C-alpha atoms as a PDB file:
ATOM      1  CA  MET A   1      -4.185 -10.560  -7.334  1.00  0.00           C
ATOM      2  CA  LEU A   2      -7.470 -11.506  -5.693  1.00  0.00           C
ATOM      3  CA  ARG A   3      -8.382  -9.038  -2.948  1.00  0.00           C
ATOM      4  CA  HIS A   4     -10.924  -9.418  -0.171  1.00  0.00           C
ATOM      5  CA  SER A   5     -11.885  -5.987   1.176  1.00  0.00           C
ATOM      6  CA  ALA A   6     -14.011  -5.510   4.285  1.00  0.00           C
ATOM      7  CA  PHE A   7     -15.108  -2.317   6.042  1.00  0.00           C
ATOM      8  CA  PHE A   8     -16.387  -2.489   9.613  1.00  0.00           C
ATOM      9  CA  MET A   9     -18.584  -0.105  11.598  1.00  0.00           C
ATOM     10  CA  LEU A  10     -18.420  -0.057  15.381  1.00  0.00           C
ATOM     11  CA  LYS A  11     -21.369  -0.662  17.642  1.00  0.00           C
ATOM     12  CA  GLU A  12     -22.491   2.460  19.471  1.00  0.00           C
ATOM     13  CA  GLY A  13     -20.373   3.007  22.566  1.00  0.00           C
ATOM     14  CA  ASN A  14     -17.220   1.467  21.117  1.00  0.00           C
ATOM     15  CA  GLY A  15     -14.310   3.585  19.970  1.00  0.00           C
ATOM     16  CA  GLU A  16     -10.550   3.984  19.751  1.00  0.00           C
ATOM     17  CA  GLU A  17      -9.648   1.045  21.994  1.00  0.00           C
ATOM     18  CA  GLU A  18     -11.750  -1.426  20.030  1.00  0.00           C
ATOM     19  CA  MET A  19     -10.323  -0.142  16.748  1.00  0.00           C
ATOM     20  CA  ARG A  20      -6.769  -0.628  18.058  1.00  0.00           C
ATOM     21  CA  TRP A  21      -7.526  -4.244  18.957  1.00  0.00           C
ATOM     22  CA  MET A  22      -9.102  -4.862  15.565  1.00  0.00           C
ATOM     23  CA  GLN A  23      -5.983  -3.549  13.850  1.00  0.00           C
ATOM     24  CA  LYS A  24      -3.708  -5.587  16.099  1.00  0.00           C
ATOM     25  CA  GLY A  25      -5.678  -8.632  15.021  1.00  0.00           C
ATOM     26  CA  SER A  26      -5.206  -7.725  11.365  1.00  0.00           C
ATOM     27  CA  ALA A  27      -1.450  -7.318  11.859  1.00  0.00           C
ATOM     28  CA  PHE A  28      -1.284 -10.688  13.637  1.00  0.00           C
ATOM     29  CA  MET A  29      -3.104 -12.368  10.750  1.00  0.00           C
ATOM     30  CA  ARG A  30      -0.389 -11.274   8.341  1.00  0.00           C
ATOM     31  CA  PHE A  31       2.027 -13.634  10.059  1.00  0.00           C
ATOM     32  CA  ALA A  32      -0.213 -16.279  11.608  1.00  0.00           C
ATOM     33  CA  ALA A  33      -3.176 -16.829   9.264  1.00  0.00           C
ATOM     34  CA  ALA A  34      -2.884 -19.170   6.309  1.00  0.00           C
ATOM     35  CA  GLY A  35      -3.728 -17.915   2.833  1.00  0.00           C
ATOM     36  CA  PRO A  36      -3.014 -14.170   2.432  1.00  0.00           C
ATOM     37  CA  SER A  37       0.098 -13.064   0.577  1.00  0.00           C
ATOM     38  CA  ALA A  38      -0.330  -9.443   1.725  1.00  0.00           C
ATOM     39  CA  ILE A  39      -2.533  -7.494   4.135  1.00  0.00           C
ATOM     40  CA  ASP A  40      -3.413  -3.818   4.472  1.00  0.00           C
ATOM     41  CA  PHE A  41      -5.520  -2.270   7.229  1.00  0.00           C
ATOM     42  CA  GLY A  42      -6.292   0.971   9.025  1.00  0.00           C
ATOM     43  CA  GLN A  43      -8.912   3.149  10.707  1.00  0.00           C
ATOM     44  CA  ASP A  44     -10.764   5.997   9.060  1.00  0.00           C
ATOM     45  CA  LEU A  45      -8.748   9.203   9.091  1.00  0.00           C
ATOM     46  CA  PHE A  46     -11.828  11.420   9.251  1.00  0.00           C
ATOM     47  CA  GLY A  47     -13.537   9.905  12.282  1.00  0.00           C
ATOM     48  CA  GLY A  48     -15.766   7.236  10.779  1.00  0.00           C
ATOM     49  CA  SER A  49     -18.964   6.649  12.725  1.00  0.00           C
ATOM     50  CA  LEU A  50     -17.673   8.377  15.855  1.00  0.00           C
ATOM     51  CA  HIS A  51     -19.124  11.641  14.476  1.00  0.00           C
ATOM     52  CA  LEU A  52     -22.639  10.240  14.758  1.00  0.00           C
ATOM     53  CA  SER A  53     -22.641  10.827  18.499  1.00  0.00           C
ATOM     54  CA  GLU A  54     -22.643  14.561  17.760  1.00  0.00           C
ATOM     55  CA  THR A  55     -26.118  14.351  16.190  1.00  0.00           C
ATOM     56  CA  LYS A  56     -29.248  12.933  17.799  1.00  0.00           C
ATOM     57  CA  PRO A  57     -30.557   9.843  15.948  1.00  0.00           C
ATOM     58  CA  TRP A  58     -33.840  11.559  15.053  1.00  0.00           C
ATOM     59  CA  GLU A  59     -31.928  14.478  13.521  1.00  0.00           C
ATOM     60  CA  ARG A  60     -29.938  12.285  11.108  1.00  0.00           C
ATOM     61  CA  THR A  61     -31.173  11.554   7.615  1.00  0.00           C
ATOM     62  CA  PRO A  62     -32.268   7.904   7.666  1.00  0.00           C
ATOM     63  CA  ARG A  63     -30.823   5.683   4.967  1.00  0.00           C
ATOM     64  CA  TRP A  64     -34.216   5.191   3.346  1.00  0.00           C
ATOM     65  CA  ARG A  65     -34.301   8.938   2.643  1.00  0.00           C
ATOM     66  CA  ALA A  66     -30.640   9.284   1.651  1.00  0.00           C
ATOM     67  CA  ALA A  67     -30.707   8.052  -1.969  1.00  0.00           C
ATOM     68  CA  THR A  68     -28.869  11.166  -3.167  1.00  0.00           C
ATOM     69  CA  GLU A  69     -27.221  12.229   0.096  1.00  0.00           C
ATOM     70  CA  GLY A  70     -25.435   8.952   0.717  1.00  0.00           C
ATOM     71  CA  PRO A  71     -24.512   7.256   3.999  1.00  0.00           C
ATOM     72  CA  PRO A  72     -24.331   9.290   7.217  1.00  0.00           C
ATOM     73  CA  CYS A  73     -20.647   8.539   7.803  1.00  0.00           C
ATOM     74  CA  ASN A  74     -17.619   6.558   6.750  1.00  0.00           C
ATOM     75  CA  HIS A  75     -16.970   3.079   8.120  1.00  0.00           C
ATOM     76  CA  ASP A  76     -14.435   2.800  10.943  1.00  0.00           C
ATOM     77  CA  VAL A  77     -11.889   0.074  10.164  1.00  0.00           C
ATOM     78  CA  ALA A  78     -10.748  -1.386   6.848  1.00  0.00           C
ATOM     79  CA  LEU A  79      -9.127  -4.734   6.109  1.00  0.00           C
ATOM     80  CA  HIS A  80      -7.742  -5.673   2.686  1.00  0.00           C
ATOM     81  CA  LEU A  81      -6.290  -9.146   2.125  1.00  0.00           C
ATOM     82  CA  ASP A  82      -4.499 -10.153  -1.076  1.00  0.00           C
ATOM     83  CA  PHE A  83      -4.369 -13.716  -2.361  1.00  0.00           C
ATOM     84  CA  ASP A  84      -2.523 -15.282  -5.278  1.00  0.00           C
ATOM     85  CA  ASP A  85      -5.614 -17.248  -6.285  1.00  0.00           C
ATOM     86  CA  GLU A  86      -9.007 -18.566  -5.167  1.00  0.00           C
ATOM     87  CA  HIS A  87      -7.359 -21.399  -3.268  1.00  0.00           C
ATOM     88  CA  GLY A  88      -5.588 -18.921  -0.973  1.00  0.00           C
ATOM     89  CA  LEU A  89      -8.906 -17.271  -0.134  1.00  0.00           C
ATOM     90  CA  GLU A  90     -10.501 -20.656   0.518  1.00  0.00           C
ATOM     91  CA  VAL A  91      -7.670 -21.622   2.880  1.00  0.00           C
ATOM     92  CA  TYR A  92      -8.025 -18.302   4.719  1.00  0.00           C
ATOM     93  CA  ASN A  93     -11.768 -18.762   5.149  1.00  0.00           C
ATOM     94  CA  LYS A  94     -11.098 -22.050   6.950  1.00  0.00           C
ATOM     95  CA  ASP A  95      -8.229 -20.761   9.080  1.00  0.00           C
ATOM     96  CA  ASP A  96      -8.596 -20.827  12.886  1.00  0.00           C
ATOM     97  CA  VAL A  97      -6.658 -17.567  13.422  1.00  0.00           C
ATOM     98  CA  HIS A  98      -9.002 -15.809  11.017  1.00  0.00           C
ATOM     99  CA  HIS A  99     -12.010 -17.226  12.847  1.00  0.00           C
ATOM    100  CA  GLU A 100     -10.713 -16.132  16.263  1.00  0.00           C
ATOM    101  CA  ILE A 101     -10.166 -12.547  15.126  1.00  0.00           C
ATOM    102  CA  ALA A 102     -13.499 -12.498  13.299  1.00  0.00           C
ATOM    103  CA  VAL A 103     -15.259 -13.385  16.567  1.00  0.00           C
ATOM    104  CA  TYR A 104     -13.794 -10.290  18.242  1.00  0.00           C
ATOM    105  CA  ASN A 105     -14.665  -8.051  15.289  1.00  0.00           C
ATOM    106  CA  ALA A 106     -18.235  -9.347  15.336  1.00  0.00           C
ATOM    107  CA  ALA A 107     -18.522  -8.591  19.046  1.00  0.00           C
ATOM    108  CA  VAL A 108     -17.583  -4.910  18.706  1.00  0.00           C
ATOM    109  CA  CYS A 109     -19.053  -4.077  15.272  1.00  0.00           C
ATOM    110  CA  GLN A 110     -22.465  -3.872  13.630  1.00  0.00           C
ATOM    111  CA  GLY A 111     -22.367  -7.038  11.566  1.00  0.00           C
ATOM    112  CA  GLU A 112     -25.284  -6.069   9.366  1.00  0.00           C
ATOM    113  CA  LEU A 113     -23.343  -2.988   8.210  1.00  0.00           C
ATOM    114  CA  THR A 114     -20.070  -4.757   7.403  1.00  0.00           C
ATOM    115  CA  ALA A 115     -19.269  -4.106   3.735  1.00  0.00           C
ATOM    116  CA  ARG A 116     -17.451  -6.839   1.772  1.00  0.00           C
ATOM    117  CA  ILE A 117     -16.229  -7.449  -1.731  1.00  0.00           C
ATOM    118  CA  ASP A 118     -13.884  -9.923  -3.439  1.00  0.00           C
ATOM    119  CA  TRP A 119     -12.250  -8.511  -6.583  1.00  0.00           C
ATOM    120  CA  TRP A 120      -9.367  -9.086  -8.966  1.00  0.00           C
ATOM    121  CA  TYR A 121      -6.725  -6.573 -10.025  1.00  0.00           C
ATOM    122  CA  ASP A 122      -3.538  -6.720 -12.084  1.00  0.00           C
ATOM    123  CA  GLY A 123      -0.012  -6.449 -10.747  1.00  0.00           C
ATOM    124  CA  GLY A 124       1.477  -6.722  -7.279  1.00  0.00           C
ATOM    125  CA  PRO A 125      -0.204  -5.814  -3.982  1.00  0.00           C
ATOM    126  CA  LEU A 126      -1.897  -2.396  -3.954  1.00  0.00           C
ATOM    127  CA  ILE A 127      -0.087  -1.378  -0.777  1.00  0.00           C
ATOM    128  CA  GLU A 128       2.328   1.495  -0.187  1.00  0.00           C
ATOM    129  CA  ALA A 129       2.943   1.689   3.550  1.00  0.00           C
ATOM    130  CA  GLY A 130       2.587   5.230   4.835  1.00  0.00           C
ATOM    131  CA  GLN A 131       0.540   6.465   1.910  1.00  0.00           C
ATOM    132  CA  VAL A 132      -3.234   6.874   2.135  1.00  0.00           C
ATOM    133  CA  ARG A 133      -5.987   4.750   0.636  1.00  0.00           C
ATOM    134  CA  HIS A 134      -9.464   6.053  -0.121  1.00  0.00           C
ATOM    135  CA  ALA A 135     -11.864   3.280  -1.089  1.00  0.00           C
ATOM    136  CA  ALA A 136     -15.593   3.176  -1.672  1.00  0.00           C
ATOM    137  CA  MET A 137     -17.878   0.203  -2.337  1.00  0.00           C
ATOM    138  CA  PHE A 138     -21.096   0.535  -4.311  1.00  0.00           C
ATOM    139  CA  ILE A 139     -24.250  -1.453  -5.100  1.00  0.00           C
ATOM    140  CA  TRP A 140     -25.893  -1.017  -8.511  1.00  0.00           C
ATOM    141  CA  LYS A 141     -29.568  -0.156  -8.672  1.00  0.00           C
ATOM    142  CA  ASP A 142     -31.640  -3.159  -9.670  1.00  0.00           C
ATOM    143  CA  ASP A 143     -32.711  -1.719 -13.036  1.00  0.00           C
ATOM    144  CA  VAL A 144     -29.474  -0.026 -14.135  1.00  0.00           C
ATOM    145  CA  ASP A 145     -28.272  -1.022 -17.629  1.00  0.00           C
ATOM    146  CA  GLU A 146     -24.723  -1.680 -18.849  1.00  0.00           C
ATOM    147  CA  ASP A 147     -24.394   1.690 -20.591  1.00  0.00           C
ATOM    148  CA  ARG A 148     -25.223   3.495 -17.361  1.00  0.00           C
ATOM    149  CA  LYS A 149     -22.689   1.381 -15.478  1.00  0.00           C
ATOM    150  CA  THR A 150     -20.013   2.242 -18.015  1.00  0.00           C
ATOM    151  CA  THR A 151     -20.781   5.945 -17.683  1.00  0.00           C
ATOM    152  CA  ALA A 152     -20.483   5.789 -13.885  1.00  0.00           C
ATOM    153  CA  HIS A 153     -17.169   3.940 -14.129  1.00  0.00           C
ATOM    154  CA  ASP A 154     -15.819   6.464 -16.628  1.00  0.00           C
ATOM    155  CA  ARG A 155     -16.706   9.339 -14.317  1.00  0.00           C
ATOM    156  CA  VAL A 156     -14.789   7.900 -11.372  1.00  0.00           C
ATOM    157  CA  ARG A 157     -11.831   6.799 -13.541  1.00  0.00           C
ATOM    158  CA  ALA A 158     -11.359  10.468 -14.426  1.00  0.00           C
ATOM    159  CA  LEU A 159     -10.421  11.083 -10.781  1.00  0.00           C
ATOM    160  CA  ALA A 160      -7.043   9.504 -11.588  1.00  0.00           C
ATOM    161  CA  ASP A 161      -6.014  12.940 -12.880  1.00  0.00           C
ATOM    162  CA  ALA A 162      -6.721  14.666  -9.550  1.00  0.00           C
ATOM    163  CA  ALA A 163      -3.802  16.169  -7.624  1.00  0.00           C
ATOM    164  CA  GLY A 164      -2.124  13.754  -5.224  1.00  0.00           C
ATOM    165  CA  VAL A 165      -3.583  10.584  -6.767  1.00  0.00           C
ATOM    166  CA  GLU A 166      -0.869   7.964  -7.193  1.00  0.00           C
ATOM    167  CA  ARG A 167      -3.039   5.157  -8.561  1.00  0.00           C
ATOM    168  CA  LEU A 168      -6.746   4.541  -9.176  1.00  0.00           C
ATOM    169  CA  THR A 169      -8.220   1.068  -9.565  1.00  0.00           C
ATOM    170  CA  LEU A 170     -11.773  -0.159 -10.129  1.00  0.00           C
ATOM    171  CA  GLY A 171     -12.770  -3.673  -9.146  1.00  0.00           C
ATOM    172  CA  THR A 172     -15.857  -5.754  -9.887  1.00  0.00           C
ATOM    173  CA  GLY A 173     -17.183  -8.089  -7.210  1.00  0.00           C
ATOM    174  CA  VAL A 174     -16.707 -11.808  -7.890  1.00  0.00           C
ATOM    175  CA  GLY A 175     -17.945 -13.184  -4.557  1.00  0.00           C
ATOM    176  CA  SER A 176     -21.057 -15.265  -4.114  1.00  0.00           C
ATOM    177  CA  LEU A 177     -22.364 -13.980  -0.762  1.00  0.00           C
ATOM    178  CA  ARG A 178     -25.626 -12.034  -0.739  1.00  0.00           C
ATOM    179  CA  THR A 179     -23.883  -9.450   1.445  1.00  0.00           C
ATOM    180  CA  ASP A 180     -21.181  -8.704  -1.166  1.00  0.00           C
ATOM    181  CA  TYR A 181     -21.016  -5.292  -2.812  1.00  0.00           C
ATOM    182  CA  ASP A 182     -20.970  -4.970  -6.613  1.00  0.00           C
ATOM    183  CA  TRP A 183     -17.879  -2.829  -7.247  1.00  0.00           C
ATOM    184  CA  ILE A 184     -15.166  -0.845  -5.564  1.00  0.00           C
ATOM    185  CA  LEU A 185     -13.219   2.349  -6.214  1.00  0.00           C
ATOM    186  CA  ASP A 186      -9.687   2.149  -4.794  1.00  0.00           C
ATOM    187  CA  VAL A 187      -7.502   5.267  -4.799  1.00  0.00           C
ATOM    188  CA  GLN A 188      -3.941   5.478  -3.505  1.00  0.00           C
ATOM    189  CA  LEU A 189      -2.848   8.989  -2.525  1.00  0.00           C
ATOM    190  CA  ALA A 190       0.343  10.632  -1.422  1.00  0.00           C
ATOM    191  CA  ASP A 191      -0.837  11.677   2.026  1.00  0.00           C
ATOM    192  CA  ARG A 192      -3.786  12.714   4.181  1.00  0.00           C
ATOM    193  CA  ALA A 193      -3.868  16.239   2.763  1.00  0.00           C
ATOM    194  CA  ALA A 194      -4.199  14.861  -0.764  1.00  0.00           C
ATOM    195  CA  ALA A 195      -6.975  12.508   0.355  1.00  0.00           C
ATOM    196  CA  GLU A 196      -8.909  15.289   2.052  1.00  0.00           C
ATOM    197  CA  ALA A 197      -8.521  17.535  -0.999  1.00  0.00           C
ATOM    198  CA  LEU A 198      -9.841  14.742  -3.212  1.00  0.00           C
ATOM    199  CA  VAL A 199     -12.957  13.809  -1.219  1.00  0.00           C
ATOM    200  CA  THR A 200     -13.932  17.441  -0.568  1.00  0.00           C
ATOM    201  CA  GLY A 201     -13.196  18.646  -4.086  1.00  0.00           C
ATOM    202  CA  ASP A 202     -15.554  19.467  -6.937  1.00  0.00           C
ATOM    203  CA  ALA A 203     -14.387  16.620  -9.194  1.00  0.00           C
ATOM    204  CA  TYR A 204     -15.156  13.983  -6.564  1.00  0.00           C
ATOM    205  CA  ARG A 205     -18.490  15.549  -5.665  1.00  0.00           C
ATOM    206  CA  GLU A 206     -19.552  15.683  -9.306  1.00  0.00           C
ATOM    207  CA  ALA A 207     -18.439  12.106  -9.954  1.00  0.00           C
ATOM    208  CA  MET A 208     -20.378  10.856  -6.943  1.00  0.00           C
ATOM    209  CA  ALA A 209     -23.478  12.776  -8.019  1.00  0.00           C
ATOM    210  CA  ASP A 210     -23.346  10.822 -11.264  1.00  0.00           C
ATOM    211  CA  VAL A 211     -22.694   7.523  -9.464  1.00  0.00           C
ATOM    212  CA  ALA A 212     -25.651   8.197  -7.149  1.00  0.00           C
ATOM    213  CA  GLY A 213     -27.991   7.986 -10.113  1.00  0.00           C
ATOM    214  CA  ALA A 214     -26.843   4.461 -10.939  1.00  0.00           C
ATOM    215  CA  THR A 215     -26.349   2.972  -7.458  1.00  0.00           C
ATOM    216  CA  LYS A 216     -28.125   2.441  -4.168  1.00  0.00           C
ATOM    217  CA  TYR A 217     -26.060   5.376  -3.016  1.00  0.00           C
ATOM    218  CA  GLU A 218     -27.361   5.383   0.547  1.00  0.00           C
ATOM    219  CA  TRP A 219     -25.572   2.046   1.072  1.00  0.00           C
ATOM    220  CA  THR A 220     -22.208   3.227  -0.231  1.00  0.00           C
ATOM    221  CA  ALA A 221     -19.385   2.179   2.115  1.00  0.00           C
ATOM    222  CA  ARG A 222     -16.352   4.474   2.357  1.00  0.00           C
ATOM    223  CA  MET A 223     -13.015   4.411   4.158  1.00  0.00           C
ATOM    224  CA  THR A 224      -9.941   6.644   4.058  1.00  0.00           C
ATOM    225  CA  HIS A 225      -6.961   5.313   5.974  1.00  0.00           C
ATOM    226  CA  THR A 226      -3.194   5.291   6.166  1.00  0.00           C
ATOM    227  CA  MET A 227      -1.922   2.024   4.707  1.00  0.00           C
ATOM    228  CA  HIS A 228      -0.404  -0.308   7.293  1.00  0.00           C
ATOM    229  CA  GLY A 229       0.805  -3.533   5.846  1.00  0.00           C
ATOM    230  CA  HIS A 230       2.756  -5.336   3.151  1.00  0.00           C
END
């Protein structure tokens, strides 16, 4: 399957209502937009960017000083669209329903922080309604070599053995947009408790410390959400 994954971050002042409308648009696309064979979507289970309001802007670590710390928060809303082939994605990109919903998303989100990646994976759609997906997109450092990339991938693949993990998939970006990310970690988990245990656990923290050395870690885009779709 060819998957297009996109993570959105709200503009300051927007919140739960805007996220509900974004998700309603995603659900509508499943039945009205041409191209996708399956769609998954959801909002971040751990609050996304809404936590930023609790800290004054000048008290947050700016991204240009967060090379090892990572981004200040998760993204807010995720959209994953599966296509049988490149033609399906091309049809979707030209679809009027897609364009109409994209206009709303652009109005309520910070477009420059939208994270996108197109990637292939084997088998049927990576969607188990009611389970939880944790996904993270990364950008390689400009000077990182192939051996270092392999090491980083091996470290995150080892997370497949963590408690509650149902399936772990890595994907390499195949898109041509300058805004595309380089690779994605996609983890399907039994429930929210398993997801929280994973992302707060030692194994995840140690894996991400290793990944930080090979990526522009401050631009990592993360989402953890209940899967809604088929």
